[in-house]
N, C-alpha and C. Protein backbone atom coordinates (compact mmCIF):
# COMPACT_ATOMS: atom_id res chain seq x y z
N MET A 1 0.83 -1.20 0.00
CA MET A 1 0.00 0.00 0.00
C MET A 1 0.87 1.25 0.00
N ARG A 2 2.02 1.15 0.67
CA ARG A 2 2.92 2.31 0.68
C ARG A 2 3.36 2.67 -0.73
N ALA A 3 3.71 1.66 -1.52
CA ALA A 3 4.14 1.89 -2.91
C ALA A 3 2.98 2.44 -3.74
N LEU A 4 1.80 1.88 -3.56
CA LEU A 4 0.65 2.35 -4.32
C LEU A 4 0.32 3.81 -3.99
N ARG A 5 0.39 4.16 -2.72
CA ARG A 5 0.09 5.55 -2.35
C ARG A 5 1.14 6.53 -2.88
N ALA A 6 2.40 6.11 -2.84
CA ALA A 6 3.46 6.97 -3.39
C ALA A 6 3.28 7.13 -4.90
N ALA A 7 2.99 6.03 -5.59
CA ALA A 7 2.79 6.11 -7.04
C ALA A 7 1.59 6.99 -7.38
N ARG A 8 0.53 6.87 -6.60
CA ARG A 8 -0.64 7.72 -6.83
C ARG A 8 -0.31 9.18 -6.61
N GLU A 9 0.50 9.46 -5.60
CA GLU A 9 0.89 10.85 -5.34
C GLU A 9 1.73 11.43 -6.48
N VAL A 10 2.67 10.65 -6.98
CA VAL A 10 3.50 11.11 -8.11
C VAL A 10 2.65 11.24 -9.37
N ASP A 11 1.76 10.29 -9.58
CA ASP A 11 0.78 10.33 -10.66
C ASP A 11 1.39 10.49 -12.05
N ALA A 12 2.39 9.66 -12.36
CA ALA A 12 2.91 9.63 -13.73
C ALA A 12 1.76 9.18 -14.64
N PRO A 13 1.74 9.61 -15.89
CA PRO A 13 0.61 9.26 -16.75
C PRO A 13 0.46 7.75 -16.95
N ASP A 14 -0.76 7.27 -16.82
CA ASP A 14 -1.12 5.87 -17.06
C ASP A 14 -0.22 4.90 -16.28
N TRP A 15 0.07 5.21 -15.02
CA TRP A 15 1.00 4.40 -14.22
C TRP A 15 0.36 3.10 -13.74
N LEU A 16 1.22 2.10 -13.62
CA LEU A 16 0.86 0.82 -13.02
C LEU A 16 2.08 0.26 -12.31
N ILE A 17 1.93 -0.18 -11.08
CA ILE A 17 2.96 -1.00 -10.45
C ILE A 17 2.73 -2.40 -10.99
N ASN A 18 3.81 -3.05 -11.45
CA ASN A 18 3.61 -4.28 -12.19
C ASN A 18 4.76 -5.26 -12.03
N ALA A 19 4.63 -6.35 -12.76
CA ALA A 19 5.67 -7.36 -12.93
C ALA A 19 6.06 -8.03 -11.62
N GLY A 20 7.37 -8.12 -11.36
CA GLY A 20 7.88 -8.87 -10.22
C GLY A 20 7.41 -8.35 -8.87
N ALA A 21 7.16 -7.07 -8.76
CA ALA A 21 6.69 -6.53 -7.48
C ALA A 21 5.36 -7.14 -7.09
N ILE A 22 4.52 -7.40 -8.07
CA ILE A 22 3.22 -8.02 -7.80
C ILE A 22 3.39 -9.53 -7.63
N ARG A 23 4.04 -10.16 -8.61
CA ARG A 23 4.22 -11.62 -8.57
C ARG A 23 4.89 -12.07 -7.29
N ASP A 24 5.98 -11.42 -6.90
CA ASP A 24 6.73 -11.84 -5.72
C ASP A 24 5.85 -11.80 -4.46
N ALA A 25 5.10 -10.73 -4.29
CA ALA A 25 4.24 -10.61 -3.10
C ALA A 25 3.17 -11.72 -3.08
N VAL A 26 2.57 -11.98 -4.23
CA VAL A 26 1.52 -12.99 -4.31
C VAL A 26 2.10 -14.38 -4.10
N TRP A 27 3.20 -14.69 -4.75
CA TRP A 27 3.77 -16.04 -4.63
C TRP A 27 4.39 -16.27 -3.25
N ASP A 28 4.92 -15.24 -2.61
CA ASP A 28 5.37 -15.41 -1.22
C ASP A 28 4.18 -15.74 -0.33
N ALA A 29 3.06 -15.05 -0.52
CA ALA A 29 1.85 -15.33 0.26
C ALA A 29 1.34 -16.74 -0.03
N TYR A 30 1.40 -17.16 -1.28
CA TYR A 30 0.99 -18.52 -1.67
C TYR A 30 1.79 -19.56 -0.91
N HIS A 31 3.06 -19.23 -0.61
CA HIS A 31 3.93 -20.14 0.13
C HIS A 31 3.90 -19.88 1.65
N ASP A 32 2.92 -19.11 2.10
CA ASP A 32 2.74 -18.82 3.54
C ASP A 32 3.98 -18.25 4.20
N ARG A 33 4.61 -17.31 3.55
CA ARG A 33 5.76 -16.67 4.18
C ARG A 33 5.66 -15.17 3.95
N PRO A 34 6.29 -14.42 4.82
CA PRO A 34 6.24 -12.97 4.65
C PRO A 34 6.94 -12.57 3.36
N PRO A 35 6.51 -11.47 2.77
CA PRO A 35 7.16 -11.02 1.54
C PRO A 35 8.66 -10.79 1.75
N ALA A 36 9.43 -11.26 0.79
CA ALA A 36 10.88 -11.00 0.83
C ALA A 36 11.13 -9.54 0.49
N MET A 37 12.33 -9.09 0.79
CA MET A 37 12.71 -7.73 0.43
C MET A 37 12.64 -7.60 -1.09
N LEU A 38 11.96 -6.59 -1.54
CA LEU A 38 11.79 -6.39 -2.98
C LEU A 38 13.11 -6.01 -3.64
N ARG A 39 13.39 -6.67 -4.76
CA ARG A 39 14.55 -6.29 -5.57
C ARG A 39 14.30 -4.93 -6.19
N ASP A 40 13.07 -4.72 -6.66
CA ASP A 40 12.65 -3.42 -7.16
C ASP A 40 11.13 -3.35 -7.19
N VAL A 41 10.64 -2.13 -7.22
CA VAL A 41 9.22 -1.89 -7.41
C VAL A 41 9.10 -1.31 -8.82
N ASP A 42 8.60 -2.16 -9.73
CA ASP A 42 8.47 -1.75 -11.12
C ASP A 42 7.24 -0.86 -11.29
N LEU A 43 7.47 0.32 -11.83
CA LEU A 43 6.37 1.21 -12.16
C LEU A 43 6.47 1.53 -13.64
N GLY A 44 5.48 1.09 -14.39
CA GLY A 44 5.38 1.46 -15.79
C GLY A 44 4.47 2.66 -15.91
N PHE A 45 4.80 3.53 -16.83
CA PHE A 45 3.93 4.67 -17.12
C PHE A 45 3.99 4.92 -18.62
N PHE A 46 3.15 5.83 -19.10
CA PHE A 46 3.10 6.05 -20.54
C PHE A 46 3.06 7.55 -20.81
N ASP A 47 4.19 8.07 -21.33
CA ASP A 47 4.28 9.48 -21.67
C ASP A 47 4.89 9.61 -23.07
N ALA A 48 4.03 9.65 -24.08
CA ALA A 48 4.49 9.73 -25.47
C ALA A 48 5.10 11.09 -25.79
N ASP A 49 4.91 12.08 -24.94
CA ASP A 49 5.46 13.42 -25.18
C ASP A 49 6.92 13.56 -24.77
N ASP A 50 7.43 12.63 -23.96
CA ASP A 50 8.83 12.70 -23.53
C ASP A 50 9.39 11.29 -23.44
N LEU A 51 10.11 10.88 -24.48
CA LEU A 51 10.65 9.52 -24.57
C LEU A 51 12.08 9.42 -24.07
N SER A 52 12.58 10.47 -23.46
CA SER A 52 13.97 10.50 -23.03
C SER A 52 14.19 9.67 -21.77
N PRO A 53 15.42 9.16 -21.58
CA PRO A 53 15.74 8.46 -20.34
C PRO A 53 15.60 9.37 -19.12
N GLN A 54 15.73 10.67 -19.33
CA GLN A 54 15.59 11.61 -18.23
C GLN A 54 14.16 11.61 -17.67
N ARG A 55 13.19 11.27 -18.51
CA ARG A 55 11.81 11.19 -18.03
C ARG A 55 11.67 10.05 -17.02
N ASP A 56 12.28 8.89 -17.33
CA ASP A 56 12.29 7.78 -16.37
C ASP A 56 12.95 8.23 -15.06
N ASP A 57 14.09 8.91 -15.19
CA ASP A 57 14.83 9.37 -14.01
C ASP A 57 14.00 10.33 -13.16
N ALA A 58 13.26 11.22 -13.82
CA ALA A 58 12.44 12.20 -13.10
C ALA A 58 11.32 11.51 -12.32
N VAL A 59 10.69 10.52 -12.94
CA VAL A 59 9.62 9.79 -12.25
C VAL A 59 10.20 9.01 -11.08
N GLU A 60 11.34 8.34 -11.28
CA GLU A 60 11.98 7.61 -10.18
C GLU A 60 12.36 8.55 -9.04
N ALA A 61 12.90 9.72 -9.36
CA ALA A 61 13.27 10.68 -8.32
C ALA A 61 12.05 11.13 -7.53
N ALA A 62 10.95 11.36 -8.20
CA ALA A 62 9.72 11.76 -7.52
C ALA A 62 9.21 10.63 -6.62
N LEU A 63 9.29 9.40 -7.11
CA LEU A 63 8.88 8.26 -6.30
C LEU A 63 9.77 8.09 -5.08
N ARG A 64 11.08 8.26 -5.27
CA ARG A 64 12.01 8.15 -4.14
C ARG A 64 11.77 9.26 -3.11
N ALA A 65 11.37 10.43 -3.58
CA ALA A 65 11.06 11.51 -2.65
C ALA A 65 9.84 11.17 -1.79
N CYS A 66 8.87 10.46 -2.37
CA CYS A 66 7.66 10.07 -1.64
C CYS A 66 7.88 8.85 -0.75
N ALA A 67 8.66 7.89 -1.24
CA ALA A 67 8.87 6.64 -0.50
C ALA A 67 10.32 6.21 -0.70
N PRO A 68 11.25 6.87 -0.01
CA PRO A 68 12.67 6.60 -0.23
C PRO A 68 13.12 5.20 0.19
N GLU A 69 12.33 4.53 1.00
CA GLU A 69 12.70 3.19 1.47
C GLU A 69 12.44 2.11 0.42
N LEU A 70 11.78 2.45 -0.66
CA LEU A 70 11.44 1.46 -1.69
C LEU A 70 12.39 1.54 -2.87
N PRO A 71 12.76 0.39 -3.44
CA PRO A 71 13.70 0.37 -4.57
C PRO A 71 12.97 0.53 -5.91
N TRP A 72 12.71 1.75 -6.28
CA TRP A 72 11.91 2.07 -7.46
C TRP A 72 12.66 1.83 -8.77
N GLU A 73 11.92 1.38 -9.77
CA GLU A 73 12.41 1.34 -11.14
C GLU A 73 11.25 1.76 -12.03
N ALA A 74 11.33 2.95 -12.60
CA ALA A 74 10.26 3.48 -13.44
C ALA A 74 10.69 3.44 -14.90
N LYS A 75 9.78 2.97 -15.75
CA LYS A 75 10.05 2.87 -17.19
C LYS A 75 8.86 3.42 -17.97
N ASN A 76 9.18 4.35 -18.87
CA ASN A 76 8.18 4.89 -19.77
C ASN A 76 7.91 3.86 -20.86
N GLN A 77 6.74 3.26 -20.84
CA GLN A 77 6.41 2.22 -21.80
C GLN A 77 6.24 2.77 -23.22
N ALA A 78 6.08 4.07 -23.35
CA ALA A 78 6.02 4.69 -24.67
C ALA A 78 7.38 4.68 -25.36
N ALA A 79 8.46 4.46 -24.60
CA ALA A 79 9.82 4.51 -25.15
C ALA A 79 10.46 3.14 -25.29
N VAL A 80 9.79 2.07 -24.92
CA VAL A 80 10.39 0.73 -24.92
C VAL A 80 10.96 0.37 -26.29
N HIS A 81 10.24 0.69 -27.33
CA HIS A 81 10.69 0.32 -28.68
C HIS A 81 12.02 0.97 -29.05
N LEU A 82 12.42 2.02 -28.35
CA LEU A 82 13.68 2.71 -28.63
C LEU A 82 14.89 2.00 -28.04
N TRP A 83 14.76 1.39 -26.84
CA TRP A 83 15.91 0.76 -26.18
C TRP A 83 15.86 -0.77 -26.19
N TYR A 84 14.69 -1.35 -26.39
CA TYR A 84 14.56 -2.80 -26.31
C TYR A 84 15.47 -3.55 -27.29
N PRO A 85 15.56 -3.13 -28.56
CA PRO A 85 16.44 -3.86 -29.49
C PRO A 85 17.92 -3.86 -29.06
N ARG A 86 18.39 -2.77 -28.50
CA ARG A 86 19.79 -2.70 -28.02
C ARG A 86 20.01 -3.64 -26.85
N ARG A 87 19.05 -3.71 -25.97
CA ARG A 87 19.22 -4.52 -24.75
C ARG A 87 18.97 -6.00 -24.98
N PHE A 88 17.97 -6.32 -25.82
CA PHE A 88 17.56 -7.71 -25.97
C PHE A 88 17.72 -8.26 -27.38
N GLY A 89 18.11 -7.43 -28.33
CA GLY A 89 18.38 -7.90 -29.68
C GLY A 89 17.15 -8.21 -30.51
N THR A 90 16.00 -7.77 -30.07
CA THR A 90 14.75 -8.02 -30.78
C THR A 90 13.97 -6.72 -30.91
N TRP A 91 13.43 -6.49 -32.08
CA TRP A 91 12.62 -5.30 -32.32
C TRP A 91 11.22 -5.50 -31.74
N VAL A 92 10.63 -4.44 -31.19
CA VAL A 92 9.25 -4.48 -30.72
C VAL A 92 8.50 -3.27 -31.26
N GLU A 93 7.22 -3.46 -31.49
CA GLU A 93 6.34 -2.37 -31.92
C GLU A 93 6.19 -1.37 -30.78
N PRO A 94 5.99 -0.10 -31.10
CA PRO A 94 5.66 0.86 -30.04
C PRO A 94 4.32 0.49 -29.39
N PHE A 95 4.23 0.73 -28.11
CA PHE A 95 2.99 0.46 -27.38
C PHE A 95 2.10 1.69 -27.40
N ALA A 96 0.81 1.49 -27.16
CA ALA A 96 -0.15 2.58 -27.12
C ALA A 96 -0.58 2.93 -25.69
N ALA A 97 -0.24 2.07 -24.72
CA ALA A 97 -0.64 2.28 -23.32
C ALA A 97 0.18 1.35 -22.44
N THR A 98 0.22 1.63 -21.17
CA THR A 98 0.96 0.79 -20.23
C THR A 98 0.39 -0.62 -20.18
N ALA A 99 -0.92 -0.76 -20.19
CA ALA A 99 -1.53 -2.11 -20.15
C ALA A 99 -1.10 -2.93 -21.35
N GLU A 100 -0.94 -2.31 -22.50
CA GLU A 100 -0.50 -3.04 -23.70
C GLU A 100 0.91 -3.57 -23.49
N ALA A 101 1.77 -2.80 -22.86
CA ALA A 101 3.13 -3.25 -22.57
C ALA A 101 3.12 -4.38 -21.55
N VAL A 102 2.34 -4.25 -20.50
CA VAL A 102 2.24 -5.27 -19.46
C VAL A 102 1.83 -6.62 -20.06
N ALA A 103 1.02 -6.59 -21.09
CA ALA A 103 0.55 -7.82 -21.74
C ALA A 103 1.66 -8.60 -22.42
N THR A 104 2.84 -7.98 -22.59
CA THR A 104 3.94 -8.64 -23.32
C THR A 104 5.06 -9.13 -22.41
N PHE A 105 4.93 -9.01 -21.11
CA PHE A 105 6.00 -9.44 -20.21
C PHE A 105 6.26 -10.94 -20.37
N PRO A 106 7.47 -11.43 -20.04
CA PRO A 106 7.88 -12.79 -20.39
C PRO A 106 7.04 -13.94 -19.83
N GLU A 107 6.46 -13.76 -18.64
CA GLU A 107 5.63 -14.81 -18.05
C GLU A 107 4.23 -14.24 -17.81
N THR A 108 3.21 -15.05 -18.04
CA THR A 108 1.85 -14.56 -17.88
C THR A 108 1.56 -14.11 -16.45
N ALA A 109 2.19 -14.73 -15.46
CA ALA A 109 1.96 -14.33 -14.06
C ALA A 109 2.53 -12.94 -13.76
N THR A 110 3.46 -12.46 -14.56
CA THR A 110 3.99 -11.11 -14.36
C THR A 110 3.24 -10.07 -15.18
N CYS A 111 2.32 -10.51 -16.01
CA CYS A 111 1.53 -9.60 -16.85
C CYS A 111 0.35 -9.04 -16.05
N VAL A 112 0.67 -8.45 -14.92
CA VAL A 112 -0.35 -7.89 -14.03
C VAL A 112 0.16 -6.55 -13.52
N GLY A 113 -0.73 -5.57 -13.53
CA GLY A 113 -0.40 -4.27 -12.98
C GLY A 113 -1.53 -3.78 -12.10
N VAL A 114 -1.20 -2.93 -11.13
CA VAL A 114 -2.21 -2.38 -10.24
C VAL A 114 -1.96 -0.89 -10.04
N ARG A 115 -3.05 -0.19 -9.82
CA ARG A 115 -2.96 1.23 -9.44
C ARG A 115 -4.00 1.52 -8.37
N LEU A 116 -3.72 2.53 -7.59
CA LEU A 116 -4.63 2.93 -6.51
C LEU A 116 -5.41 4.15 -6.97
N ARG A 117 -6.71 4.02 -6.96
CA ARG A 117 -7.58 5.12 -7.38
C ARG A 117 -7.74 6.11 -6.23
N PRO A 118 -8.21 7.30 -6.55
CA PRO A 118 -8.41 8.30 -5.49
C PRO A 118 -9.36 7.84 -4.38
N ASP A 119 -10.31 6.95 -4.70
CA ASP A 119 -11.24 6.46 -3.68
C ASP A 119 -10.69 5.27 -2.90
N GLU A 120 -9.37 4.98 -3.06
CA GLU A 120 -8.68 3.89 -2.38
C GLU A 120 -8.98 2.52 -2.97
N ALA A 121 -9.76 2.44 -4.04
CA ALA A 121 -9.98 1.16 -4.71
C ALA A 121 -8.73 0.81 -5.51
N ILE A 122 -8.42 -0.47 -5.55
CA ILE A 122 -7.27 -0.94 -6.32
C ILE A 122 -7.78 -1.42 -7.67
N GLU A 123 -7.23 -0.83 -8.71
CA GLU A 123 -7.56 -1.24 -10.07
C GLU A 123 -6.53 -2.27 -10.51
N VAL A 124 -7.00 -3.39 -11.01
CA VAL A 124 -6.13 -4.48 -11.47
C VAL A 124 -6.21 -4.58 -12.98
N VAL A 125 -5.05 -4.59 -13.63
CA VAL A 125 -4.96 -4.77 -15.07
C VAL A 125 -4.26 -6.11 -15.28
N ALA A 126 -4.97 -7.07 -15.86
CA ALA A 126 -4.43 -8.42 -16.04
C ALA A 126 -4.83 -8.93 -17.42
N PRO A 127 -4.07 -8.54 -18.45
CA PRO A 127 -4.45 -8.91 -19.82
C PRO A 127 -4.57 -10.40 -20.07
N HIS A 128 -3.86 -11.23 -19.31
CA HIS A 128 -3.95 -12.69 -19.47
C HIS A 128 -4.70 -13.33 -18.31
N GLY A 129 -5.40 -12.53 -17.53
CA GLY A 129 -6.13 -13.03 -16.38
C GLY A 129 -5.23 -13.16 -15.16
N LEU A 130 -5.82 -13.61 -14.07
CA LEU A 130 -5.11 -13.75 -12.81
C LEU A 130 -4.84 -15.20 -12.42
N GLY A 131 -5.28 -16.14 -13.23
CA GLY A 131 -5.15 -17.56 -12.88
C GLY A 131 -3.72 -17.99 -12.61
N ASP A 132 -2.78 -17.63 -13.49
CA ASP A 132 -1.40 -18.06 -13.28
C ASP A 132 -0.77 -17.36 -12.09
N LEU A 133 -1.06 -16.10 -11.89
CA LEU A 133 -0.52 -15.38 -10.73
C LEU A 133 -1.04 -16.01 -9.43
N LEU A 134 -2.35 -16.17 -9.33
CA LEU A 134 -2.94 -16.68 -8.09
C LEU A 134 -2.70 -18.17 -7.90
N GLY A 135 -2.43 -18.90 -8.98
CA GLY A 135 -2.19 -20.33 -8.90
C GLY A 135 -0.72 -20.71 -8.84
N CYS A 136 0.16 -19.70 -8.78
CA CYS A 136 1.62 -19.92 -8.73
C CYS A 136 2.09 -20.77 -9.92
N VAL A 137 1.66 -20.32 -11.11
CA VAL A 137 2.00 -21.00 -12.36
C VAL A 137 2.93 -20.10 -13.17
N CYS A 138 4.06 -20.65 -13.56
CA CYS A 138 5.01 -19.93 -14.41
C CYS A 138 4.83 -20.46 -15.84
N ARG A 139 4.33 -19.58 -16.70
CA ARG A 139 4.02 -19.96 -18.08
C ARG A 139 4.62 -18.94 -19.03
N HIS A 140 5.25 -19.42 -20.07
CA HIS A 140 5.85 -18.56 -21.09
C HIS A 140 4.77 -17.74 -21.80
N ASN A 141 5.02 -16.45 -21.93
CA ASN A 141 4.19 -15.57 -22.73
C ASN A 141 4.97 -15.30 -24.02
N PRO A 142 4.56 -15.88 -25.14
CA PRO A 142 5.34 -15.77 -26.37
C PRO A 142 5.18 -14.44 -27.11
N THR A 143 4.43 -13.51 -26.56
CA THR A 143 4.16 -12.25 -27.23
C THR A 143 5.42 -11.50 -27.62
N ARG A 144 6.41 -11.47 -26.73
CA ARG A 144 7.61 -10.68 -26.99
C ARG A 144 8.90 -11.49 -26.95
N VAL A 145 8.97 -12.51 -26.12
CA VAL A 145 10.24 -13.22 -25.96
C VAL A 145 10.14 -14.67 -26.44
N SER A 146 11.27 -15.20 -26.85
CA SER A 146 11.33 -16.58 -27.34
C SER A 146 11.25 -17.57 -26.17
N ARG A 147 10.97 -18.81 -26.50
CA ARG A 147 10.96 -19.88 -25.50
C ARG A 147 12.35 -20.00 -24.87
N GLU A 148 13.41 -19.86 -25.69
CA GLU A 148 14.79 -19.97 -25.18
C GLU A 148 15.07 -18.87 -24.16
N PHE A 149 14.62 -17.65 -24.44
CA PHE A 149 14.81 -16.55 -23.50
C PHE A 149 14.07 -16.86 -22.19
N TYR A 150 12.83 -17.31 -22.30
CA TYR A 150 12.02 -17.66 -21.13
C TYR A 150 12.70 -18.74 -20.29
N GLU A 151 13.17 -19.80 -20.95
CA GLU A 151 13.80 -20.90 -20.21
C GLU A 151 15.10 -20.45 -19.55
N GLY A 152 15.87 -19.61 -20.23
CA GLY A 152 17.08 -19.06 -19.62
C GLY A 152 16.76 -18.21 -18.41
N ARG A 153 15.73 -17.41 -18.53
CA ARG A 153 15.30 -16.56 -17.42
C ARG A 153 14.84 -17.41 -16.24
N LEU A 154 14.10 -18.45 -16.52
CA LEU A 154 13.61 -19.36 -15.47
C LEU A 154 14.79 -19.99 -14.73
N ALA A 155 15.81 -20.43 -15.46
CA ALA A 155 16.99 -21.05 -14.84
C ALA A 155 17.80 -20.03 -14.05
N GLU A 156 17.93 -18.84 -14.58
CA GLU A 156 18.77 -17.80 -13.97
C GLU A 156 18.18 -17.22 -12.68
N LYS A 157 16.86 -17.10 -12.60
CA LYS A 157 16.22 -16.41 -11.49
C LYS A 157 16.13 -17.21 -10.20
N GLY A 158 16.25 -18.53 -10.27
CA GLY A 158 16.16 -19.34 -9.05
C GLY A 158 14.76 -19.42 -8.47
N TRP A 159 13.76 -19.27 -9.30
CA TRP A 159 12.38 -19.28 -8.80
C TRP A 159 11.96 -20.63 -8.26
N ARG A 160 12.45 -21.72 -8.83
CA ARG A 160 12.05 -23.05 -8.33
C ARG A 160 12.49 -23.25 -6.88
N GLU A 161 13.64 -22.69 -6.53
CA GLU A 161 14.11 -22.80 -5.15
C GLU A 161 13.31 -21.87 -4.24
N ARG A 162 13.04 -20.67 -4.70
CA ARG A 162 12.33 -19.70 -3.87
C ARG A 162 10.87 -20.11 -3.66
N TRP A 163 10.24 -20.64 -4.72
CA TRP A 163 8.83 -21.01 -4.67
C TRP A 163 8.68 -22.47 -5.09
N PRO A 164 8.93 -23.42 -4.20
CA PRO A 164 8.91 -24.84 -4.58
C PRO A 164 7.53 -25.34 -5.03
N LEU A 165 6.46 -24.64 -4.68
CA LEU A 165 5.13 -25.04 -5.12
C LEU A 165 4.78 -24.51 -6.51
N MET A 166 5.65 -23.69 -7.07
CA MET A 166 5.42 -23.13 -8.39
C MET A 166 5.35 -24.24 -9.43
N ARG A 167 4.38 -24.15 -10.30
CA ARG A 167 4.25 -25.12 -11.40
C ARG A 167 4.74 -24.43 -12.68
N VAL A 168 5.62 -25.08 -13.38
CA VAL A 168 6.16 -24.54 -14.63
C VAL A 168 5.41 -25.19 -15.78
N MET A 169 4.89 -24.38 -16.65
CA MET A 169 4.18 -24.87 -17.85
C MET A 169 5.01 -24.60 -19.08
């Protein structure tokens, strides 16, 4: 809730806390243990008017000012197509909204984003549904990454050790 309130206060356009920050909390709860220390709190936003890396930095700085104890990582989803090929070697189409970007994350369980509305209601964006997230299922999402990339990521992250009840599809 602290992260959601800070993100709401900063109010970057079309923001969603997403990916591992959501999955990790849910899967730790699925395993009946307290949430581990977050590696990062992923915040996606969509600002087509400023695609510069400085825009990401400005949003992160604002988030750190609101909640300095959290490890923020903010990414403008409107700019992904500019840096993704350099980092991952694959071209991607420009996105039209943060939810569209969330739909392409490597595993369906990470394709979930949340935001806190002014009335304190939590809005959930889950383009592939919540079944894999809530069922602790790790399934390849072929929208953006290859099966080889997914399998490498699965081996590298150590998720089987962290979440022994996780089912890999």
